[in-house]
N, C-alpha and C. Protein backbone atom coordinates (compact mmCIF):
# COMPACT_ATOMS: atom_id res chain seq x y z
N MET A 1 -13.06 14.51 8.42
CA MET A 1 -12.28 14.75 7.07
C MET A 1 -10.98 15.52 7.25
N ALA A 2 -10.89 16.17 8.35
CA ALA A 2 -9.44 16.75 8.72
C ALA A 2 -8.55 15.54 9.08
N LEU A 3 -9.14 14.43 9.94
CA LEU A 3 -8.23 13.36 10.23
C LEU A 3 -7.87 12.51 8.82
N MET A 4 -8.80 12.48 8.03
CA MET A 4 -8.41 11.68 6.96
C MET A 4 -7.37 12.43 6.06
N ALA A 5 -7.51 13.76 6.02
CA ALA A 5 -6.48 14.54 5.24
C ALA A 5 -5.01 14.50 5.87
N VAL A 6 -5.13 14.54 7.29
CA VAL A 6 -3.88 14.20 8.03
C VAL A 6 -3.22 12.68 7.77
N LEU A 7 -3.97 11.79 7.81
CA LEU A 7 -3.56 10.44 7.67
C LEU A 7 -3.09 10.15 6.26
N GLY A 8 -3.75 10.87 5.31
CA GLY A 8 -3.37 10.76 3.88
C GLY A 8 -1.96 11.37 3.70
N PHE A 9 -1.63 12.53 4.44
CA PHE A 9 -0.43 13.29 4.19
C PHE A 9 0.59 12.33 4.81
N VAL A 10 0.38 11.75 6.04
CA VAL A 10 1.51 10.85 6.71
C VAL A 10 1.69 9.84 6.03
N LEU A 11 0.72 9.12 5.31
CA LEU A 11 0.86 7.95 4.38
C LEU A 11 1.90 8.38 3.05
N GLY A 12 1.62 9.47 2.67
CA GLY A 12 2.37 9.98 1.33
C GLY A 12 3.95 10.20 1.89
N PHE A 13 4.07 10.81 3.14
CA PHE A 13 5.31 11.05 3.58
C PHE A 13 6.05 9.95 4.01
N ALA A 14 5.46 9.02 4.47
CA ALA A 14 6.12 7.66 4.79
C ALA A 14 6.66 6.82 3.63
N MET A 15 5.65 6.92 2.57
CA MET A 15 6.06 6.00 1.40
C MET A 15 7.21 6.62 0.76
N ASN A 16 7.40 7.97 0.71
CA ASN A 16 8.47 8.78 0.09
C ASN A 16 9.80 8.50 1.00
N ARG A 17 9.67 8.78 2.21
CA ARG A 17 10.88 8.98 3.04
C ARG A 17 11.44 7.50 3.29
N GLY A 18 10.59 6.64 3.20
CA GLY A 18 11.03 4.92 3.58
C GLY A 18 11.52 4.41 2.28
N SER A 19 11.30 4.92 1.11
CA SER A 19 11.81 4.33 -0.15
C SER A 19 11.05 2.97 -0.23
N ILE A 20 9.77 3.11 0.03
CA ILE A 20 9.14 1.64 0.08
C ILE A 20 8.67 1.34 -1.22
N CYS A 21 8.85 0.20 -1.83
CA CYS A 21 8.68 -0.24 -3.24
C CYS A 21 8.86 -1.80 -3.43
N THR A 22 7.73 -2.58 -3.82
CA THR A 22 7.87 -3.99 -3.94
C THR A 22 8.91 -4.24 -5.06
N VAL A 23 9.00 -3.49 -5.97
CA VAL A 23 9.99 -3.89 -7.15
C VAL A 23 11.30 -3.93 -6.61
N ILE A 24 11.72 -2.81 -5.76
CA ILE A 24 13.06 -2.67 -5.16
C ILE A 24 13.20 -3.68 -4.19
N ALA A 25 12.27 -3.93 -3.20
CA ALA A 25 12.30 -5.15 -2.23
C ALA A 25 12.39 -6.39 -3.02
N THR A 26 11.85 -6.71 -4.09
CA THR A 26 12.01 -8.03 -4.90
C THR A 26 13.39 -8.02 -5.46
N ARG A 27 13.92 -7.05 -6.15
CA ARG A 27 15.22 -6.92 -6.74
C ARG A 27 16.27 -7.06 -5.68
N GLU A 28 16.29 -6.52 -4.62
CA GLU A 28 17.13 -6.59 -3.45
C GLU A 28 17.24 -8.27 -3.02
N LEU A 29 16.07 -8.88 -2.91
CA LEU A 29 15.95 -10.15 -2.53
C LEU A 29 16.52 -11.14 -3.34
N VAL A 30 16.17 -11.04 -4.63
CA VAL A 30 16.48 -12.00 -5.67
C VAL A 30 17.98 -11.85 -6.30
N LEU A 31 18.32 -10.47 -6.41
CA LEU A 31 19.62 -10.27 -7.08
C LEU A 31 20.75 -10.05 -6.06
N GLU A 32 20.34 -9.23 -4.99
CA GLU A 32 21.54 -8.90 -4.08
C GLU A 32 21.43 -9.73 -2.71
N ARG A 33 20.45 -10.63 -2.51
CA ARG A 33 20.39 -11.49 -1.41
C ARG A 33 20.06 -10.50 0.01
N ARG A 34 19.37 -9.58 -0.37
CA ARG A 34 19.21 -8.68 0.83
C ARG A 34 17.71 -8.67 1.06
N PRO A 35 17.23 -9.43 2.25
CA PRO A 35 15.72 -9.70 2.23
C PRO A 35 15.01 -8.62 3.17
N ALA A 36 15.78 -7.57 3.70
CA ALA A 36 15.43 -6.78 4.70
C ALA A 36 14.18 -5.97 4.34
N ARG A 37 14.21 -5.47 3.20
CA ARG A 37 13.05 -4.64 2.60
C ARG A 37 11.81 -5.44 2.40
N PHE A 38 12.13 -6.60 1.71
CA PHE A 38 10.96 -7.66 1.51
C PHE A 38 10.21 -7.90 2.89
N ILE A 39 11.11 -8.23 3.94
CA ILE A 39 10.45 -8.58 5.19
C ILE A 39 9.59 -7.58 5.70
N ALA A 40 10.08 -6.20 5.47
CA ALA A 40 9.46 -5.03 5.78
C ALA A 40 8.05 -4.83 5.29
N LEU A 41 8.01 -5.27 3.98
CA LEU A 41 6.48 -5.27 3.56
C LEU A 41 5.61 -6.28 4.30
N VAL A 42 6.03 -7.28 4.65
CA VAL A 42 5.17 -8.40 5.37
C VAL A 42 4.97 -7.70 6.88
N GLU A 43 5.90 -6.94 7.35
CA GLU A 43 5.94 -6.40 8.62
C GLU A 43 4.80 -5.14 8.51
N CYS A 44 4.69 -4.47 7.15
CA CYS A 44 3.50 -3.46 7.21
C CYS A 44 2.23 -4.03 7.22
N ALA A 45 2.00 -5.33 6.65
CA ALA A 45 0.68 -5.99 6.66
C ALA A 45 0.48 -6.51 8.07
N ALA A 46 1.42 -6.78 9.06
CA ALA A 46 1.14 -7.06 10.28
C ALA A 46 0.68 -5.95 11.11
N TRP A 47 1.31 -4.77 10.81
CA TRP A 47 0.86 -3.53 11.42
C TRP A 47 -0.63 -3.24 11.26
N ALA A 48 -1.13 -3.49 9.87
CA ALA A 48 -2.28 -3.21 9.49
C ALA A 48 -3.27 -4.16 10.04
N ALA A 49 -2.76 -5.49 10.33
CA ALA A 49 -3.51 -6.33 10.83
C ALA A 49 -3.92 -6.17 12.41
N LEU A 50 -2.86 -5.73 13.15
CA LEU A 50 -3.06 -5.17 14.43
C LEU A 50 -3.91 -4.03 14.58
N VAL A 51 -3.92 -3.09 13.70
CA VAL A 51 -4.71 -2.02 13.88
C VAL A 51 -6.36 -2.62 13.72
N TYR A 52 -6.53 -3.27 12.64
CA TYR A 52 -7.81 -4.01 12.51
C TYR A 52 -8.28 -4.78 13.81
N ALA A 53 -7.38 -5.52 14.46
CA ALA A 53 -7.63 -6.33 15.66
C ALA A 53 -8.00 -5.20 16.89
N ILE A 54 -7.25 -4.23 16.95
CA ILE A 54 -7.53 -3.30 18.16
C ILE A 54 -8.90 -2.67 17.83
N LEU A 55 -9.10 -2.28 16.61
CA LEU A 55 -10.48 -1.54 16.33
C LEU A 55 -11.63 -2.47 16.17
N GLU A 56 -11.33 -4.00 16.36
CA GLU A 56 -12.47 -4.89 16.19
C GLU A 56 -13.09 -5.03 15.05
N THR A 57 -12.59 -4.60 13.88
CA THR A 57 -13.11 -4.69 12.63
C THR A 57 -12.44 -5.51 11.72
N ALA A 58 -12.87 -5.52 10.33
CA ALA A 58 -12.23 -6.38 9.36
C ALA A 58 -12.17 -5.77 8.19
N PRO A 59 -11.12 -5.94 7.39
CA PRO A 59 -11.17 -5.24 6.01
C PRO A 59 -12.28 -5.87 4.98
N MET A 60 -12.70 -4.76 4.06
CA MET A 60 -13.81 -5.27 3.14
C MET A 60 -13.14 -5.83 2.00
N MET A 61 -13.56 -6.70 1.40
CA MET A 61 -13.12 -7.17 0.03
C MET A 61 -14.27 -7.77 -0.77
N PRO A 62 -14.11 -7.55 -2.15
CA PRO A 62 -15.23 -8.06 -2.98
C PRO A 62 -15.46 -9.54 -2.93
N GLU A 63 -16.76 -9.94 -2.91
CA GLU A 63 -17.01 -11.58 -2.84
C GLU A 63 -16.61 -12.09 -4.02
N GLY A 64 -16.03 -13.32 -4.14
CA GLY A 64 -15.48 -14.01 -5.16
C GLY A 64 -14.19 -13.54 -5.80
N TRP A 65 -13.54 -12.63 -5.06
CA TRP A 65 -12.37 -11.97 -5.38
C TRP A 65 -11.14 -12.93 -5.98
N SER A 66 -11.16 -14.08 -5.32
CA SER A 66 -10.13 -15.17 -5.30
C SER A 66 -10.26 -16.10 -6.56
N SER A 67 -11.16 -15.73 -7.38
CA SER A 67 -11.22 -16.66 -8.67
C SER A 67 -9.93 -16.69 -9.40
N LEU A 68 -9.41 -17.88 -9.63
CA LEU A 68 -7.98 -18.25 -10.27
C LEU A 68 -8.07 -17.66 -11.62
N GLY A 69 -9.27 -17.64 -12.33
CA GLY A 69 -9.42 -17.33 -13.70
C GLY A 69 -9.01 -15.82 -13.95
N TYR A 70 -9.33 -15.09 -12.84
CA TYR A 70 -8.76 -13.72 -12.89
C TYR A 70 -7.44 -13.32 -12.17
N LEU A 71 -7.35 -14.05 -11.06
CA LEU A 71 -6.18 -13.98 -10.18
C LEU A 71 -4.89 -14.09 -10.78
N VAL A 72 -4.58 -15.20 -11.46
CA VAL A 72 -3.39 -15.57 -11.88
C VAL A 72 -3.05 -14.71 -13.07
N PRO A 73 -3.74 -14.55 -14.20
CA PRO A 73 -3.36 -13.39 -15.19
C PRO A 73 -3.05 -12.20 -14.69
N ALA A 74 -3.90 -11.71 -13.81
CA ALA A 74 -3.77 -10.36 -13.16
C ALA A 74 -2.58 -10.30 -12.45
N ALA A 75 -2.18 -11.20 -11.70
CA ALA A 75 -0.83 -11.23 -10.91
C ALA A 75 0.33 -11.23 -11.97
N ILE A 76 0.13 -11.88 -13.01
CA ILE A 76 1.18 -11.90 -14.11
C ILE A 76 1.51 -10.49 -14.69
N LEU A 77 0.33 -9.86 -15.12
CA LEU A 77 0.29 -8.61 -15.60
C LEU A 77 0.77 -7.58 -14.67
N LEU A 78 0.38 -7.62 -13.48
CA LEU A 78 0.85 -6.77 -12.32
C LEU A 78 2.45 -6.88 -12.24
N GLY A 79 3.00 -8.06 -12.22
CA GLY A 79 4.49 -8.15 -12.32
C GLY A 79 5.18 -7.67 -13.46
N ILE A 80 4.62 -8.05 -14.64
CA ILE A 80 5.14 -7.35 -15.76
C ILE A 80 5.03 -5.81 -15.82
N GLY A 81 3.88 -5.28 -15.47
CA GLY A 81 3.71 -3.73 -15.39
C GLY A 81 4.82 -3.06 -14.55
N SER A 82 4.78 -3.75 -13.35
CA SER A 82 5.68 -3.27 -12.34
C SER A 82 7.10 -3.15 -12.68
N TYR A 83 7.47 -4.38 -13.27
CA TYR A 83 8.80 -4.35 -13.87
C TYR A 83 9.16 -3.26 -14.83
N LEU A 84 8.26 -3.07 -15.89
CA LEU A 84 8.46 -2.19 -16.91
C LEU A 84 8.34 -0.58 -16.36
N ASN A 85 7.48 -0.51 -15.23
CA ASN A 85 7.17 0.78 -14.51
C ASN A 85 8.62 1.16 -13.86
N GLY A 86 9.15 -0.05 -13.35
CA GLY A 86 10.27 0.38 -12.39
C GLY A 86 9.83 0.69 -10.91
N ALA A 87 8.59 0.44 -10.67
CA ALA A 87 7.97 0.82 -9.25
C ALA A 87 6.67 0.28 -9.17
N CYS A 88 6.33 -0.15 -7.82
CA CYS A 88 4.99 -0.36 -7.65
C CYS A 88 4.15 0.87 -7.41
N VAL A 89 2.98 0.41 -6.82
CA VAL A 89 2.19 1.97 -6.48
C VAL A 89 2.65 2.74 -5.34
N PHE A 90 3.29 2.06 -4.50
CA PHE A 90 4.13 2.65 -3.37
C PHE A 90 5.19 3.52 -3.94
N GLY A 91 6.08 2.88 -4.78
CA GLY A 91 7.19 3.50 -5.38
C GLY A 91 6.88 4.57 -6.22
N SER A 92 5.73 4.44 -6.92
CA SER A 92 5.32 5.43 -7.83
C SER A 92 4.91 6.76 -7.30
N VAL A 93 4.28 6.51 -5.84
CA VAL A 93 3.98 7.81 -5.06
C VAL A 93 5.35 8.42 -4.76
N GLY A 94 6.17 7.65 -4.17
CA GLY A 94 7.49 8.40 -3.81
C GLY A 94 8.40 8.93 -4.91
N HIS A 95 8.40 8.42 -6.15
CA HIS A 95 8.98 8.93 -7.29
C HIS A 95 8.16 10.20 -7.69
N LEU A 96 6.95 10.35 -7.70
CA LEU A 96 6.05 11.56 -8.17
C LEU A 96 6.45 12.66 -7.06
N GLY A 97 6.66 12.15 -5.88
CA GLY A 97 6.88 13.32 -4.73
C GLY A 97 8.29 13.74 -4.90
N ASN A 98 9.21 12.98 -5.70
CA ASN A 98 10.53 13.56 -5.91
C ASN A 98 10.53 14.43 -7.14
N GLY A 99 9.57 14.62 -7.75
CA GLY A 99 9.35 15.40 -9.10
C GLY A 99 9.54 14.65 -10.35
N GLU A 100 9.39 13.39 -10.31
CA GLU A 100 9.51 12.52 -11.33
C GLU A 100 8.19 12.43 -11.85
N ILE A 101 7.84 13.45 -12.83
CA ILE A 101 6.37 13.53 -13.22
C ILE A 101 5.81 12.20 -14.10
N GLU A 102 6.67 11.68 -14.78
CA GLU A 102 6.40 10.54 -15.69
C GLU A 102 5.60 9.42 -14.88
N PHE A 103 5.94 9.33 -13.66
CA PHE A 103 5.16 8.22 -12.80
C PHE A 103 3.85 8.62 -12.57
N ALA A 104 3.19 9.87 -12.98
CA ALA A 104 1.73 10.01 -12.86
C ALA A 104 1.01 9.08 -13.96
N PHE A 105 1.71 8.67 -14.80
CA PHE A 105 1.26 7.83 -15.83
C PHE A 105 0.64 6.39 -15.18
N THR A 106 1.61 6.07 -14.26
CA THR A 106 1.01 4.80 -13.24
C THR A 106 -0.46 4.84 -12.85
N PHE A 107 -0.76 6.18 -12.41
CA PHE A 107 -2.16 6.21 -11.77
C PHE A 107 -3.28 6.62 -12.91
N LEU A 108 -2.61 7.23 -14.00
CA LEU A 108 -3.60 7.42 -15.08
C LEU A 108 -3.91 5.90 -15.64
N GLY A 109 -3.05 5.06 -15.64
CA GLY A 109 -3.29 3.71 -16.24
C GLY A 109 -4.37 3.16 -15.30
N ILE A 110 -4.08 3.02 -13.92
CA ILE A 110 -5.08 2.51 -12.90
C ILE A 110 -6.41 3.02 -13.35
N TYR A 111 -6.62 4.49 -13.31
CA TYR A 111 -7.76 4.89 -13.51
C TYR A 111 -8.54 4.44 -14.85
N ALA A 112 -7.61 4.44 -15.79
CA ALA A 112 -8.12 4.01 -17.12
C ALA A 112 -8.69 2.45 -17.25
N VAL A 113 -7.82 1.77 -16.52
CA VAL A 113 -8.16 0.25 -16.68
C VAL A 113 -9.52 0.05 -15.74
N VAL A 114 -9.54 0.68 -14.72
CA VAL A 114 -10.84 0.62 -13.84
C VAL A 114 -12.18 0.99 -14.52
N HIS A 115 -12.05 2.00 -15.43
CA HIS A 115 -13.15 2.55 -16.09
C HIS A 115 -13.47 1.74 -17.27
N ILE A 116 -12.32 1.09 -17.94
CA ILE A 116 -12.70 0.23 -18.98
C ILE A 116 -13.46 -0.84 -18.61
N GLU A 117 -13.03 -1.51 -17.46
CA GLU A 117 -13.52 -2.64 -16.86
C GLU A 117 -15.06 -2.69 -16.69
N SER A 118 -15.61 -1.43 -16.32
CA SER A 118 -16.86 -1.27 -15.83
C SER A 118 -17.67 -1.35 -17.15
N PRO A 119 -17.53 -0.74 -18.27
CA PRO A 119 -18.62 -0.81 -19.42
C PRO A 119 -18.41 -2.18 -19.98
N LEU A 120 -17.44 -2.75 -19.92
CA LEU A 120 -17.26 -4.11 -20.68
C LEU A 120 -17.76 -5.34 -19.70
N ASP A 121 -18.08 -4.97 -18.26
CA ASP A 121 -18.49 -5.91 -17.52
C ASP A 121 -17.79 -7.00 -17.47
N LEU A 122 -16.56 -7.08 -17.10
CA LEU A 122 -15.54 -8.25 -17.10
C LEU A 122 -15.74 -8.82 -15.74
N LEU A 123 -15.96 -8.06 -14.58
CA LEU A 123 -16.14 -8.76 -13.39
C LEU A 123 -17.54 -8.78 -12.85
N THR A 124 -17.91 -9.78 -12.38
CA THR A 124 -19.27 -9.72 -11.77
C THR A 124 -19.44 -8.80 -10.77
N ASP A 125 -20.54 -8.04 -10.73
CA ASP A 125 -20.75 -7.09 -9.75
C ASP A 125 -21.34 -7.77 -8.45
N ARG A 126 -20.61 -7.94 -7.47
CA ARG A 126 -21.04 -8.43 -6.19
C ARG A 126 -20.89 -7.56 -5.12
N PRO A 127 -21.57 -7.68 -4.05
CA PRO A 127 -21.30 -6.84 -2.84
C PRO A 127 -19.96 -7.17 -2.00
N ALA A 128 -19.59 -6.15 -1.60
CA ALA A 128 -18.30 -6.48 -0.60
C ALA A 128 -18.66 -7.24 0.58
N ILE A 129 -17.79 -7.81 1.23
CA ILE A 129 -18.10 -8.76 2.45
C ILE A 129 -16.96 -8.58 3.26
N ASP A 130 -17.12 -8.88 4.59
CA ASP A 130 -15.89 -8.94 5.46
C ASP A 130 -15.13 -9.87 5.54
N ALA A 131 -13.70 -9.67 5.61
CA ALA A 131 -12.87 -10.72 5.75
C ALA A 131 -13.10 -11.56 6.85
N ALA A 132 -12.14 -12.63 7.06
CA ALA A 132 -12.24 -13.43 8.13
C ALA A 132 -12.40 -12.85 9.56
N PRO A 133 -13.15 -13.16 10.52
CA PRO A 133 -13.05 -12.49 11.75
C PRO A 133 -11.63 -12.37 12.39
N SER A 134 -11.49 -11.39 13.08
CA SER A 134 -10.20 -11.04 13.79
C SER A 134 -9.93 -12.00 14.87
N LEU A 135 -8.69 -12.41 14.96
CA LEU A 135 -8.33 -13.28 15.92
C LEU A 135 -7.74 -12.68 17.36
N GLY A 136 -8.02 -11.36 17.20
CA GLY A 136 -7.46 -10.60 18.49
C GLY A 136 -6.15 -10.03 18.24
N ALA A 137 -5.72 -8.99 19.08
CA ALA A 137 -4.44 -8.73 18.97
C ALA A 137 -3.03 -9.21 19.22
N ALA A 138 -3.41 -10.35 19.79
CA ALA A 138 -2.22 -11.18 20.16
C ALA A 138 -1.29 -11.69 19.20
N LEU A 139 -1.99 -12.39 18.28
CA LEU A 139 -1.35 -13.10 17.00
C LEU A 139 -0.48 -11.93 16.05
N PRO A 140 -1.34 -10.77 15.46
CA PRO A 140 -0.64 -9.85 14.92
C PRO A 140 0.59 -9.31 15.70
N SER A 141 0.42 -9.02 17.05
CA SER A 141 1.59 -8.61 17.82
C SER A 141 2.71 -9.43 17.72
N LEU A 142 2.54 -10.73 17.95
CA LEU A 142 3.49 -11.64 17.92
C LEU A 142 4.17 -11.73 16.52
N LEU A 143 3.36 -11.74 15.41
CA LEU A 143 3.91 -11.73 14.25
C LEU A 143 4.87 -10.57 13.87
N LEU A 144 4.28 -9.45 14.35
CA LEU A 144 5.13 -8.03 14.16
C LEU A 144 6.34 -8.18 14.71
N LEU A 145 6.36 -8.57 16.06
CA LEU A 145 7.67 -8.71 16.78
C LEU A 145 8.69 -9.64 16.11
N THR A 146 8.24 -10.80 15.55
CA THR A 146 8.89 -11.76 14.86
C THR A 146 9.49 -11.09 13.65
N PHE A 147 8.83 -10.37 12.90
CA PHE A 147 9.37 -9.83 11.58
C PHE A 147 10.38 -8.81 11.86
N VAL A 148 10.09 -8.05 12.94
CA VAL A 148 11.06 -6.98 13.40
C VAL A 148 12.30 -7.54 13.81
N ILE A 149 12.28 -8.53 14.57
CA ILE A 149 13.52 -9.35 14.99
C ILE A 149 14.37 -9.83 13.96
N VAL A 150 13.56 -10.56 12.96
CA VAL A 150 14.31 -11.07 11.83
C VAL A 150 14.86 -9.95 10.92
N ARG A 151 14.24 -8.94 10.82
CA ARG A 151 14.68 -7.81 9.87
C ARG A 151 16.01 -7.30 10.45
N LEU A 152 15.93 -7.13 11.84
CA LEU A 152 16.91 -6.69 12.59
C LEU A 152 18.34 -7.50 12.29
N GLY A 153 18.02 -8.74 12.35
CA GLY A 153 19.13 -9.71 12.13
C GLY A 153 19.64 -9.86 10.73
N VAL A 154 19.00 -9.51 9.67
CA VAL A 154 19.63 -9.40 8.39
C VAL A 154 20.10 -7.93 8.01
N SER A 155 19.70 -7.06 8.98
CA SER A 155 20.14 -5.55 8.48
C SER A 155 21.41 -5.27 9.29
N HIS A 156 22.51 -5.40 8.52
CA HIS A 156 23.70 -5.30 9.06
C HIS A 156 24.44 -4.02 8.78
N ARG A 157 23.93 -3.21 7.78
CA ARG A 157 24.69 -1.99 7.43
C ARG A 157 24.37 -0.71 8.08
N SER A 158 23.20 -0.52 8.37
CA SER A 158 22.77 0.70 8.83
C SER A 158 21.66 0.70 9.90
N LYS A 159 22.15 1.15 11.27
CA LYS A 159 20.93 1.24 12.21
C LYS A 159 19.83 2.33 11.88
N SER A 160 20.49 3.33 11.38
CA SER A 160 19.43 4.59 11.06
C SER A 160 18.58 3.90 9.90
N GLY A 161 19.21 3.18 8.91
CA GLY A 161 18.12 2.82 7.85
C GLY A 161 17.17 1.81 8.38
N PHE A 162 17.58 1.04 9.45
CA PHE A 162 16.52 0.01 10.16
C PHE A 162 15.48 0.89 10.79
N ARG A 163 15.87 1.90 11.54
CA ARG A 163 14.92 2.64 12.13
C ARG A 163 13.87 3.29 11.19
N ARG A 164 14.54 3.88 10.20
CA ARG A 164 13.67 4.62 9.26
C ARG A 164 12.58 3.91 8.60
N LEU A 165 13.00 2.48 8.14
CA LEU A 165 12.22 1.64 7.48
C LEU A 165 11.16 1.17 8.42
N SER A 166 11.63 1.03 9.55
CA SER A 166 10.55 0.57 10.79
C SER A 166 9.57 1.52 10.94
N LEU A 167 9.91 2.85 11.13
CA LEU A 167 8.90 3.96 11.14
C LEU A 167 8.02 3.91 9.97
N SER A 168 8.65 3.87 8.93
CA SER A 168 7.75 3.96 7.46
C SER A 168 6.88 2.81 7.47
N MET A 169 7.28 1.54 7.83
CA MET A 169 6.33 0.37 7.68
C MET A 169 5.05 0.47 8.68
N GLY A 170 5.53 0.96 9.81
CA GLY A 170 4.55 1.18 10.96
C GLY A 170 3.64 2.21 10.47
N ALA A 171 4.05 3.37 9.87
CA ALA A 171 3.20 4.47 9.41
C ALA A 171 2.09 4.15 8.25
N VAL A 172 2.84 3.39 7.46
CA VAL A 172 2.02 3.02 6.20
C VAL A 172 0.92 2.07 6.57
N GLY A 173 1.38 1.05 7.36
CA GLY A 173 0.50 0.10 7.94
C GLY A 173 -0.72 0.62 8.63
N ILE A 174 -0.31 1.48 9.63
CA ILE A 174 -1.46 1.99 10.51
C ILE A 174 -2.28 2.96 9.74
N THR A 175 -1.87 4.00 8.98
CA THR A 175 -2.72 5.02 8.38
C THR A 175 -3.45 4.34 7.31
N SER A 176 -3.00 3.28 6.49
CA SER A 176 -3.84 2.86 5.46
C SER A 176 -4.94 2.28 5.99
N SER A 177 -4.87 1.45 7.19
CA SER A 177 -5.89 0.45 7.60
C SER A 177 -6.82 1.32 8.23
N ILE A 178 -6.51 2.65 9.02
CA ILE A 178 -7.41 3.53 9.58
C ILE A 178 -8.30 4.08 8.56
N LEU A 179 -7.67 4.59 7.58
CA LEU A 179 -8.28 5.11 6.34
C LEU A 179 -9.43 4.20 5.73
N ALA A 180 -9.09 2.91 5.58
CA ALA A 180 -9.92 1.87 5.06
C ALA A 180 -11.08 1.85 5.98
N VAL A 181 -10.87 1.92 7.35
CA VAL A 181 -12.01 2.05 8.28
C VAL A 181 -12.83 3.19 8.11
N LEU A 182 -12.11 4.34 8.07
CA LEU A 182 -13.11 5.58 8.04
C LEU A 182 -13.81 5.65 6.54
N ALA A 183 -13.27 5.28 5.54
CA ALA A 183 -13.82 5.21 4.36
C ALA A 183 -13.81 3.74 3.67
N PRO A 184 -14.75 2.98 3.81
CA PRO A 184 -14.81 1.72 3.53
C PRO A 184 -14.83 1.64 1.84
N GLY A 185 -13.84 0.71 1.47
CA GLY A 185 -13.71 0.67 -0.05
C GLY A 185 -12.49 1.37 -0.52
N PHE A 186 -11.97 2.17 0.46
CA PHE A 186 -10.69 3.09 0.03
C PHE A 186 -9.48 2.09 0.06
N SER A 187 -8.66 2.07 -0.97
CA SER A 187 -7.18 1.63 -0.94
C SER A 187 -6.36 2.38 -1.79
N LEU A 188 -5.09 2.31 -1.87
CA LEU A 188 -4.23 3.17 -2.62
C LEU A 188 -4.66 3.11 -4.12
N THR A 189 -5.00 2.05 -4.62
CA THR A 189 -5.56 1.85 -6.04
C THR A 189 -6.82 2.53 -6.14
N ALA A 190 -7.84 2.15 -5.17
CA ALA A 190 -9.23 2.77 -5.39
C ALA A 190 -9.26 4.10 -5.16
N SER A 191 -8.22 4.95 -4.57
CA SER A 191 -8.24 6.29 -4.45
C SER A 191 -8.08 6.96 -5.95
N PHE A 192 -7.62 6.23 -6.74
CA PHE A 192 -7.33 6.66 -8.25
C PHE A 192 -8.33 5.91 -9.30
N GLY A 193 -8.88 4.97 -8.57
CA GLY A 193 -9.90 4.23 -9.60
C GLY A 193 -11.37 4.71 -9.30
N PRO A 194 -12.25 3.85 -8.69
CA PRO A 194 -13.52 4.09 -8.65
C PRO A 194 -13.93 4.85 -7.27
N ILE A 195 -13.36 6.11 -7.51
CA ILE A 195 -13.48 7.13 -6.40
C ILE A 195 -14.90 7.77 -6.33
N ALA A 196 -15.76 7.05 -7.33
CA ALA A 196 -17.23 7.72 -7.42
C ALA A 196 -18.09 7.31 -6.31
N SER A 197 -17.57 6.11 -5.66
CA SER A 197 -18.36 5.57 -4.57
C SER A 197 -18.03 6.40 -3.13
N ILE A 198 -16.70 6.83 -3.20
CA ILE A 198 -16.32 7.70 -2.23
C ILE A 198 -15.68 8.93 -2.68
N PRO A 199 -16.54 9.83 -3.40
CA PRO A 199 -15.80 11.04 -4.15
C PRO A 199 -15.09 11.95 -3.32
N VAL A 200 -15.66 12.23 -2.31
CA VAL A 200 -14.91 13.55 -1.49
C VAL A 200 -13.84 12.68 -0.66
N ALA A 201 -13.95 11.68 -0.12
CA ALA A 201 -12.92 11.09 0.77
C ALA A 201 -11.75 10.54 -0.17
N GLY A 202 -12.07 9.97 -1.34
CA GLY A 202 -11.08 9.51 -2.35
C GLY A 202 -10.15 10.54 -2.84
N ALA A 203 -10.79 11.63 -3.25
CA ALA A 203 -9.96 12.91 -3.76
C ALA A 203 -9.22 13.47 -2.53
N LEU A 204 -9.80 13.65 -1.41
CA LEU A 204 -9.23 14.29 -0.22
C LEU A 204 -7.98 13.61 0.20
N VAL A 205 -7.95 12.28 0.20
CA VAL A 205 -6.72 11.33 0.72
C VAL A 205 -5.72 11.32 -0.48
N SER A 206 -6.13 11.45 -1.76
CA SER A 206 -5.11 11.23 -2.93
C SER A 206 -4.45 12.67 -2.78
N PHE A 207 -5.08 13.70 -2.78
CA PHE A 207 -4.16 14.99 -2.72
C PHE A 207 -3.49 15.07 -1.44
N SER A 208 -3.81 14.74 -0.26
CA SER A 208 -2.98 14.89 0.90
C SER A 208 -1.81 13.99 0.90
N MET A 209 -2.18 12.71 0.25
CA MET A 209 -1.11 11.76 0.19
C MET A 209 0.10 12.24 -0.76
N PHE A 210 -0.48 12.79 -1.79
CA PHE A 210 0.60 13.22 -2.84
C PHE A 210 1.43 14.48 -2.28
N GLY A 211 0.53 15.30 -1.42
CA GLY A 211 1.29 16.45 -0.71
C GLY A 211 2.25 16.04 0.29
N GLY A 212 1.88 14.91 1.00
CA GLY A 212 2.84 14.41 1.95
C GLY A 212 4.26 13.87 1.30
N SER A 213 4.00 13.24 0.08
CA SER A 213 5.19 12.66 -0.72
C SER A 213 6.06 13.76 -1.17
N LEU A 214 5.78 14.88 -1.38
CA LEU A 214 6.69 15.99 -1.99
C LEU A 214 7.77 16.11 -1.18
N ARG A 215 8.94 16.15 -1.88
CA ARG A 215 10.25 16.41 -1.25
C ARG A 215 10.92 17.52 -1.88
N LEU A 216 11.04 18.78 -1.11
CA LEU A 216 11.55 19.77 -1.60
C LEU A 216 13.10 19.47 -1.93
N ARG A 217 13.49 20.09 -3.02
CA ARG A 217 14.83 20.12 -3.32
C ARG A 217 15.82 20.94 -2.67
N GLU A 218 17.07 20.59 -2.29
CA GLU A 218 17.79 21.39 -1.55
C GLU A 218 18.63 22.14 -2.45
N THR A 219 18.72 23.63 -2.30
CA THR A 219 19.47 24.39 -3.08
C THR A 219 20.81 24.73 -2.61
């Protein structure tokens, strides 16, 4: 439990200090032709894949999750909601840590939707299954190195910004995947949604993550 609390704190700290947000990354890519932050998000996934490979395990996912009948409209609603919110879940944690309390409604919304779905029985209740077997650490390592090199090539402005984003992406990918292994079923959204299945772990990591995201204002 102590390890999970520390990992949650590091996760929140990294999301805040790295200014990680899918909305910002997409806006920079589309409007400003700056792909570095978008590439960093994929780099984060490569870090997570590497951890799963080293631990010789695989993430859990609900069976039948890829049904297009739910996936397509859900992706559209997610995009619209993120645009209106001005931040994704990552970004909302960072904004909340900066004292922007209104972003707490993001997580209240996630919690409400999850618990509205349950009594309406919108999704078939199926047991979770393992993802595809790991292909070993070589492939994730190669992908990670490729993404880092590509991002270095498009990061012309600030070496310190490149280092900070690299450390943040590594911290988020590593800590989130280890947390998912320690508490199967945990994710950034699950910690605010169906935490009944992991009541202590979900609450502990959530509070630790928000604690790590807090940034004291300079006087």
